[in-house]
Each structure stands twice: as C-alpha cells, then as structure tokens.
Amino acid sequence: MVELVRTNDPALISVVEGLLLSAEIPYQVTDRNMSTIEGSILVIQVRVLVPDDRIDEARELLTDAELGGWITT
C-alpha cells in the first residue's frame, strides 16, 4: 500500500473515498481514530492508502478532480 493523501480534513477524506469507490480502486484509511483523539495538536494525520499497482491511477483520478495539490509526493 502507498500513501495517496495525508490530512485531517474530514471533508477531503470523504471526497477522496467517494472518488476511489466510484473508480473501484481499493483503499484503506489509517489513523482515523488516533487523529480524532489527538486532533487538537495535529501530530497524527489520517492517511489514505492505495495498492502499489493502482497509485498512478489514483493520482490521476485526484488530479482530474482538481485535488492534485493534496497528493502526497
């Protein structure tokens, strides 16, 4: 799995999840609970991960949706 996005913005995570679901790209959201617990200090951010072999497709999907600035490099 490769990190696609790292953020504490719940709206952005929701949009990314919707895009990945509609494109049938498997994904995993990590650290969601920890970021909520420690959210006030922004140390732990939620990460959206996709399979290694689908990362290019996922990046293109986010870029086409004008969310390319959020992609983890």
PDB file of N, CA and C in Angstrom:
ATOM      1  N   MET A   1       0.850  -1.181   0.000  1.00  0.00           N
ATOM      2  CA  MET A   1       0.000   0.000   0.000  1.00  0.00           C
ATOM      3  C   MET A   1       0.895   1.244   0.000  1.00  0.00           C
ATOM      4  N   VAL A   2       0.441   2.259  -0.734  1.00  0.00           N
ATOM      5  CA  VAL A   2       1.178   3.511  -0.877  1.00  0.00           C
ATOM      6  C   VAL A   2       0.283   4.653  -0.407  1.00  0.00           C
ATOM      7  N   GLU A   3       0.880   5.612   0.292  1.00  0.00           N
ATOM      8  CA  GLU A   3       0.126   6.765   0.768  1.00  0.00           C
ATOM      9  C   GLU A   3      -0.249   7.663  -0.399  1.00  0.00           C
ATOM     10  N   LEU A   4      -1.527   7.979  -0.493  1.00  0.00           N
ATOM     11  CA  LEU A   4      -2.036   8.866  -1.535  1.00  0.00           C
ATOM     12  C   LEU A   4      -2.262  10.270  -0.980  1.00  0.00           C
ATOM     13  N   VAL A   5      -2.908  10.357   0.176  1.00  0.00           N
ATOM     14  CA  VAL A   5      -3.260  11.644   0.789  1.00  0.00           C
ATOM     15  C   VAL A   5      -3.035  11.547   2.290  1.00  0.00           C
ATOM     16  N   ARG A   6      -2.587  12.667   2.889  1.00  0.00           N
ATOM     17  CA  ARG A   6      -2.435  12.764   4.347  1.00  0.00           C
ATOM     18  C   ARG A   6      -3.050  14.093   4.768  1.00  0.00           C
ATOM     19  N   THR A   7      -4.085  14.034   5.613  1.00  0.00           N
ATOM     20  CA  THR A   7      -4.782  15.241   6.035  1.00  0.00           C
ATOM     21  C   THR A   7      -5.642  14.960   7.257  1.00  0.00           C
ATOM     22  N   ASN A   8      -6.072  15.999   7.924  1.00  0.00           N
ATOM     23  CA  ASN A   8      -7.068  15.885   8.991  1.00  0.00           C
ATOM     24  C   ASN A   8      -8.388  16.524   8.585  1.00  0.00           C
ATOM     25  N   ASP A   9      -8.534  16.836   7.315  1.00  0.00           N
ATOM     26  CA  ASP A   9      -9.754  17.455   6.795  1.00  0.00           C
ATOM     27  C   ASP A   9     -10.777  16.360   6.478  1.00  0.00           C
ATOM     28  N   PRO A  10     -11.814  16.207   7.309  1.00  0.00           N
ATOM     29  CA  PRO A  10     -12.777  15.124   7.090  1.00  0.00           C
ATOM     30  C   PRO A  10     -13.541  15.249   5.773  1.00  0.00           C
ATOM     31  N   ALA A  11     -13.768  16.467   5.315  1.00  0.00           N
ATOM     32  CA  ALA A  11     -14.473  16.647   4.040  1.00  0.00           C
ATOM     33  C   ALA A  11     -13.619  16.137   2.881  1.00  0.00           C
ATOM     34  N   LEU A  12     -12.331  16.455   2.899  1.00  0.00           N
ATOM     35  CA  LEU A  12     -11.425  15.993   1.853  1.00  0.00           C
ATOM     36  C   LEU A  12     -11.336  14.471   1.854  1.00  0.00           C
ATOM     37  N   ILE A  13     -11.234  13.884   3.029  1.00  0.00           N
ATOM     38  CA  ILE A  13     -11.156  12.420   3.118  1.00  0.00           C
ATOM     39  C   ILE A  13     -12.416  11.789   2.541  1.00  0.00           C
ATOM     40  N   SER A  14     -13.558  12.374   2.844  1.00  0.00           N
ATOM     41  CA  SER A  14     -14.827  11.866   2.320  1.00  0.00           C
ATOM     42  C   SER A  14     -14.872  11.942   0.796  1.00  0.00           C
ATOM     43  N   VAL A  15     -14.421  13.049   0.237  1.00  0.00           N
ATOM     44  CA  VAL A  15     -14.405  13.209  -1.223  1.00  0.00           C
ATOM     45  C   VAL A  15     -13.455  12.198  -1.861  1.00  0.00           C
ATOM     46  N   VAL A  16     -12.267  12.045  -1.283  1.00  0.00           N
ATOM     47  CA  VAL A  16     -11.288  11.094  -1.821  1.00  0.00           C
ATOM     48  C   VAL A  16     -11.849   9.677  -1.758  1.00  0.00           C
ATOM     49  N   GLU A  17     -12.470   9.321  -0.647  1.00  0.00           N
ATOM     50  CA  GLU A  17     -13.081   7.991  -0.532  1.00  0.00           C
ATOM     51  C   GLU A  17     -14.153   7.781  -1.603  1.00  0.00           C
ATOM     52  N   GLY A  18     -14.979   8.785  -1.827  1.00  0.00           N
ATOM     53  CA  GLY A  18     -16.021   8.679  -2.850  1.00  0.00           C
ATOM     54  C   GLY A  18     -15.446   8.491  -4.241  1.00  0.00           C
ATOM     55  N   LEU A  19     -14.401   9.245  -4.550  1.00  0.00           N
ATOM     56  CA  LEU A  19     -13.759   9.109  -5.857  1.00  0.00           C
ATOM     57  C   LEU A  19     -13.158   7.724  -6.045  1.00  0.00           C
ATOM     58  N   LEU A  20     -12.456   7.252  -5.020  1.00  0.00           N
ATOM     59  CA  LEU A  20     -11.835   5.931  -5.120  1.00  0.00           C
ATOM     60  C   LEU A  20     -12.883   4.822  -5.225  1.00  0.00           C
ATOM     61  N   LEU A  21     -13.959   4.952  -4.465  1.00  0.00           N
ATOM     62  CA  LEU A  21     -15.040   3.970  -4.555  1.00  0.00           C
ATOM     63  C   LEU A  21     -15.657   3.936  -5.948  1.00  0.00           C
ATOM     64  N   SER A  22     -15.936   5.113  -6.495  1.00  0.00           N
ATOM     65  CA  SER A  22     -16.575   5.158  -7.816  1.00  0.00           C
ATOM     66  C   SER A  22     -15.656   4.629  -8.911  1.00  0.00           C
ATOM     67  N   ALA A  23     -14.345   4.749  -8.711  1.00  0.00           N
ATOM     68  CA  ALA A  23     -13.380   4.240  -9.689  1.00  0.00           C
ATOM     69  C   ALA A  23     -12.988   2.794  -9.394  1.00  0.00           C
ATOM     70  N   GLU A  24     -13.587   2.217  -8.349  1.00  0.00           N
ATOM     71  CA  GLU A  24     -13.311   0.838  -7.934  1.00  0.00           C
ATOM     72  C   GLU A  24     -11.827   0.606  -7.657  1.00  0.00           C
ATOM     73  N   ILE A  25     -11.211   1.608  -7.032  1.00  0.00           N
ATOM     74  CA  ILE A  25      -9.818   1.487  -6.601  1.00  0.00           C
ATOM     75  C   ILE A  25      -9.853   1.146  -5.112  1.00  0.00           C
ATOM     76  N   PRO A  26      -9.310  -0.003  -4.727  1.00  0.00           N
ATOM     77  CA  PRO A  26      -9.305  -0.350  -3.309  1.00  0.00           C
ATOM     78  C   PRO A  26      -8.467   0.661  -2.513  1.00  0.00           C
ATOM     79  N   TYR A  27      -8.853   0.893  -1.282  1.00  0.00           N
ATOM     80  CA  TYR A  27      -8.114   1.847  -0.460  1.00  0.00           C
ATOM     81  C   TYR A  27      -8.270   1.483   1.007  1.00  0.00           C
ATOM     82  N   GLN A  28      -7.433   2.073   1.825  1.00  0.00           N
ATOM     83  CA  GLN A  28      -7.507   1.902   3.267  1.00  0.00           C
ATOM     84  C   GLN A  28      -7.272   3.257   3.912  1.00  0.00           C
ATOM     85  N   VAL A  29      -8.077   3.590   4.903  1.00  0.00           N
ATOM     86  CA  VAL A  29      -7.902   4.828   5.656  1.00  0.00           C
ATOM     87  C   VAL A  29      -7.296   4.452   7.002  1.00  0.00           C
ATOM     88  N   THR A  30      -6.132   5.033   7.306  1.00  0.00           N
ATOM     89  CA  THR A  30      -5.447   4.697   8.556  1.00  0.00           C
ATOM     90  C   THR A  30      -5.416   5.891   9.497  1.00  0.00           C
ATOM     91  N   ASP A  31      -5.278   5.606  10.750  1.00  0.00           N
ATOM     92  CA  ASP A  31      -5.103   6.611  11.806  1.00  0.00           C
ATOM     93  C   ASP A  31      -6.301   7.536  11.994  1.00  0.00           C
ATOM     94  N   ARG A  32      -7.453   7.139  11.503  1.00  0.00           N
ATOM     95  CA  ARG A  32      -8.641   7.995  11.646  1.00  0.00           C
ATOM     96  C   ARG A  32      -8.986   8.210  13.120  1.00  0.00           C
ATOM     97  N   ASN A  33      -8.977   7.157  13.891  1.00  0.00           N
ATOM     98  CA  ASN A  33      -9.328   7.281  15.315  1.00  0.00           C
ATOM     99  C   ASN A  33      -8.260   8.029  16.096  1.00  0.00           C
ATOM    100  N   MET A  34      -6.997   7.753  15.799  1.00  0.00           N
ATOM    101  CA  MET A  34      -5.915   8.432  16.513  1.00  0.00           C
ATOM    102  C   MET A  34      -5.894   9.926  16.215  1.00  0.00           C
ATOM    103  N   SER A  35      -6.188  10.299  14.980  1.00  0.00           N
ATOM    104  CA  SER A  35      -6.194  11.722  14.647  1.00  0.00           C
ATOM    105  C   SER A  35      -7.333  12.440  15.354  1.00  0.00           C
ATOM    106  N   THR A  36      -8.437  11.736  15.600  1.00  0.00           N
ATOM    107  CA  THR A  36      -9.552  12.330  16.331  1.00  0.00           C
ATOM    108  C   THR A  36      -9.171  12.545  17.790  1.00  0.00           C
ATOM    109  N   ILE A  37      -8.521  11.553  18.359  1.00  0.00           N
ATOM    110  CA  ILE A  37      -8.106  11.654  19.763  1.00  0.00           C
ATOM    111  C   ILE A  37      -7.067  12.759  19.943  1.00  0.00           C
ATOM    112  N   GLU A  38      -6.099  12.818  19.039  1.00  0.00           N
ATOM    113  CA  GLU A  38      -5.007  13.782  19.134  1.00  0.00           C
ATOM    114  C   GLU A  38      -5.178  14.952  18.167  1.00  0.00           C
ATOM    115  N   GLY A  39      -6.365  15.120  17.627  1.00  0.00           N
ATOM    116  CA  GLY A  39      -6.605  16.105  16.579  1.00  0.00           C
ATOM    117  C   GLY A  39      -6.285  17.538  16.922  1.00  0.00           C
ATOM    118  N   SER A  40      -6.340  17.863  18.192  1.00  0.00           N
ATOM    119  CA  SER A  40      -6.112  19.250  18.578  1.00  0.00           C
ATOM    120  C   SER A  40      -4.666  19.687  18.371  1.00  0.00           C
ATOM    121  N   ILE A  41      -3.726  18.742  18.330  1.00  0.00           N
ATOM    122  CA  ILE A  41      -2.324  19.125  18.146  1.00  0.00           C
ATOM    123  C   ILE A  41      -1.810  18.799  16.744  1.00  0.00           C
ATOM    124  N   LEU A  42      -2.628  18.167  15.927  1.00  0.00           N
ATOM    125  CA  LEU A  42      -2.329  17.881  14.523  1.00  0.00           C
ATOM    126  C   LEU A  42      -1.052  17.077  14.305  1.00  0.00           C
ATOM    127  N   VAL A  43      -0.682  16.265  15.278  1.00  0.00           N
ATOM    128  CA  VAL A  43       0.520  15.443  15.129  1.00  0.00           C
ATOM    129  C   VAL A  43       0.226  14.229  14.259  1.00  0.00           C
ATOM    130  N   ILE A  44      -0.894  13.601  14.485  1.00  0.00           N
ATOM    131  CA  ILE A  44      -1.255  12.397  13.736  1.00  0.00           C
ATOM    132  C   ILE A  44      -2.311  12.766  12.711  1.00  0.00           C
ATOM    133  N   GLN A  45      -2.005  12.520  11.452  1.00  0.00           N
ATOM    134  CA  GLN A  45      -2.960  12.820  10.386  1.00  0.00           C
ATOM    135  C   GLN A  45      -3.494  11.523   9.788  1.00  0.00           C
ATOM    136  N   VAL A  46      -4.698  11.595   9.265  1.00  0.00           N
ATOM    137  CA  VAL A  46      -5.323  10.472   8.586  1.00  0.00           C
ATOM    138  C   VAL A  46      -4.610  10.271   7.256  1.00  0.00           C
ATOM    139  N   ARG A  47      -4.365   9.009   6.911  1.00  0.00           N
ATOM    140  CA  ARG A  47      -3.721   8.690   5.643  1.00  0.00           C
ATOM    141  C   ARG A  47      -4.628   7.809   4.817  1.00  0.00           C
ATOM    142  N   VAL A  48      -4.721   8.105   3.536  1.00  0.00           N
ATOM    143  CA  VAL A  48      -5.457   7.270   2.591  1.00  0.00           C
ATOM    144  C   VAL A  48      -4.412   6.520   1.776  1.00  0.00           C
ATOM    145  N   LEU A  49      -4.489   5.193   1.832  1.00  0.00           N
ATOM    146  CA  LEU A  49      -3.533   4.338   1.145  1.00  0.00           C
ATOM    147  C   LEU A  49      -4.223   3.580   0.018  1.00  0.00           C
ATOM    148  N   VAL A  50      -3.499   3.358  -1.062  1.00  0.00           N
ATOM    149  CA  VAL A  50      -3.996   2.558  -2.188  1.00  0.00           C
ATOM    150  C   VAL A  50      -2.938   1.513  -2.542  1.00  0.00           C
ATOM    151  N   PRO A  51      -3.330   0.441  -3.227  1.00  0.00           N
ATOM    152  CA  PRO A  51      -2.356  -0.577  -3.617  1.00  0.00           C
ATOM    153  C   PRO A  51      -1.271   0.003  -4.529  1.00  0.00           C
ATOM    154  N   ASP A  52      -0.070  -0.528  -4.399  1.00  0.00           N
ATOM    155  CA  ASP A  52       1.069  -0.058  -5.188  1.00  0.00           C
ATOM    156  C   ASP A  52       0.758  -0.015  -6.683  1.00  0.00           C
ATOM    157  N   ASP A  53       0.071  -1.038  -7.173  1.00  0.00           N
ATOM    158  CA  ASP A  53      -0.179  -1.125  -8.611  1.00  0.00           C
ATOM    159  C   ASP A  53      -1.315  -0.218  -9.093  1.00  0.00           C
ATOM    160  N   ARG A  54      -1.973   0.499  -8.176  1.00  0.00           N
ATOM    161  CA  ARG A  54      -3.072   1.401  -8.559  1.00  0.00           C
ATOM    162  C   ARG A  54      -2.768   2.862  -8.237  1.00  0.00           C
ATOM    163  N   ILE A  55      -1.546   3.148  -7.732  1.00  0.00           N
ATOM    164  CA  ILE A  55      -1.225   4.506  -7.291  1.00  0.00           C
ATOM    165  C   ILE A  55      -1.279   5.507  -8.436  1.00  0.00           C
ATOM    166  N   ASP A  56      -0.774   5.151  -9.611  1.00  0.00           N
ATOM    167  CA  ASP A  56      -0.801   6.084 -10.734  1.00  0.00           C
ATOM    168  C   ASP A  56      -2.234   6.422 -11.139  1.00  0.00           C
ATOM    169  N   GLU A  57      -3.083   5.422 -11.152  1.00  0.00           N
ATOM    170  CA  GLU A  57      -4.498   5.626 -11.485  1.00  0.00           C
ATOM    171  C   GLU A  57      -5.180   6.515 -10.440  1.00  0.00           C
ATOM    172  N   ALA A  58      -4.868   6.284  -9.172  1.00  0.00           N
ATOM    173  CA  ALA A  58      -5.458   7.078  -8.088  1.00  0.00           C
ATOM    174  C   ALA A  58      -4.982   8.525  -8.155  1.00  0.00           C
ATOM    175  N   ARG A  59      -3.701   8.723  -8.431  1.00  0.00           N
ATOM    176  CA  ARG A  59      -3.172  10.089  -8.557  1.00  0.00           C
ATOM    177  C   ARG A  59      -3.823  10.824  -9.720  1.00  0.00           C
ATOM    178  N   GLU A  60      -4.001  10.138 -10.825  1.00  0.00           N
ATOM    179  CA  GLU A  60      -4.649  10.758 -11.990  1.00  0.00           C
ATOM    180  C   GLU A  60      -6.097  11.116 -11.665  1.00  0.00           C
ATOM    181  N   LEU A  61      -6.770  10.237 -10.939  1.00  0.00           N
ATOM    182  CA  LEU A  61      -8.156  10.484 -10.542  1.00  0.00           C
ATOM    183  C   LEU A  61      -8.266  11.758  -9.698  1.00  0.00           C
ATOM    184  N   LEU A  62      -7.386  11.912  -8.725  1.00  0.00           N
ATOM    185  CA  LEU A  62      -7.410  13.108  -7.884  1.00  0.00           C
ATOM    186  C   LEU A  62      -7.008  14.353  -8.660  1.00  0.00           C
ATOM    187  N   THR A  63      -6.054  14.223  -9.550  1.00  0.00           N
ATOM    188  CA  THR A  63      -5.634  15.353 -10.380  1.00  0.00           C
ATOM    189  C   THR A  63      -6.778  15.812 -11.269  1.00  0.00           C
ATOM    190  N   ASP A  64      -7.489  14.868 -11.879  1.00  0.00           N
ATOM    191  CA  ASP A  64      -8.630  15.208 -12.731  1.00  0.00           C
ATOM    192  C   ASP A  64      -9.743  15.886 -11.940  1.00  0.00           C
ATOM    193  N   ALA A  65      -9.840  15.567 -10.639  1.00  0.00           N
ATOM    194  CA  ALA A  65     -10.860  16.166  -9.777  1.00  0.00           C
ATOM    195  C   ALA A  65     -10.358  17.468  -9.138  1.00  0.00           C
ATOM    196  N   GLU A  66      -9.224  17.966  -9.629  1.00  0.00           N
ATOM    197  CA  GLU A  66      -8.608  19.197  -9.140  1.00  0.00           C
ATOM    198  C   GLU A  66      -8.230  19.110  -7.660  1.00  0.00           C
ATOM    199  N   LEU A  67      -7.809  17.914  -7.245  1.00  0.00           N
ATOM    200  CA  LEU A  67      -7.332  17.691  -5.888  1.00  0.00           C
ATOM    201  C   LEU A  67      -5.870  17.274  -5.883  1.00  0.00           C
ATOM    202  N   GLY A  68      -5.202  17.504  -6.988  1.00  0.00           N
ATOM    203  CA  GLY A  68      -3.807  17.095  -7.133  1.00  0.00           C
ATOM    204  C   GLY A  68      -2.873  17.714  -6.110  1.00  0.00           C
ATOM    205  N   GLY A  69      -3.211  18.871  -5.605  1.00  0.00           N
ATOM    206  CA  GLY A  69      -2.387  19.530  -4.601  1.00  0.00           C
ATOM    207  C   GLY A  69      -2.348  18.803  -3.271  1.00  0.00           C
ATOM    208  N   TRP A  70      -3.280  17.889  -3.065  1.00  0.00           N
ATOM    209  CA  TRP A  70      -3.346  17.127  -1.813  1.00  0.00           C
ATOM    210  C   TRP A  70      -2.591  15.817  -1.886  1.00  0.00           C
ATOM    211  N   ILE A  71      -2.153  15.438  -3.075  1.00  0.00           N
ATOM    212  CA  ILE A  71      -1.474  14.139  -3.244  1.00  0.00           C
ATOM    213  C   ILE A  71      -0.138  14.176  -2.526  1.00  0.00           C
ATOM    214  N   THR A  72       0.130  13.135  -1.757  1.00  0.00           N
ATOM    215  CA  THR A  72       1.419  13.003  -1.086  1.00  0.00           C
ATOM    216  C   THR A  72       2.457  12.618  -2.122  1.00  0.00           C
ATOM    217  N   THR A  73       3.575  13.315  -2.118  1.00  0.00           N
ATOM    218  CA  THR A  73       4.609  13.013  -3.114  1.00  0.00           C
ATOM    219  C   THR A  73       5.565  11.958  -2.637  1.00  0.00           C
TER     220      THR A  73
END
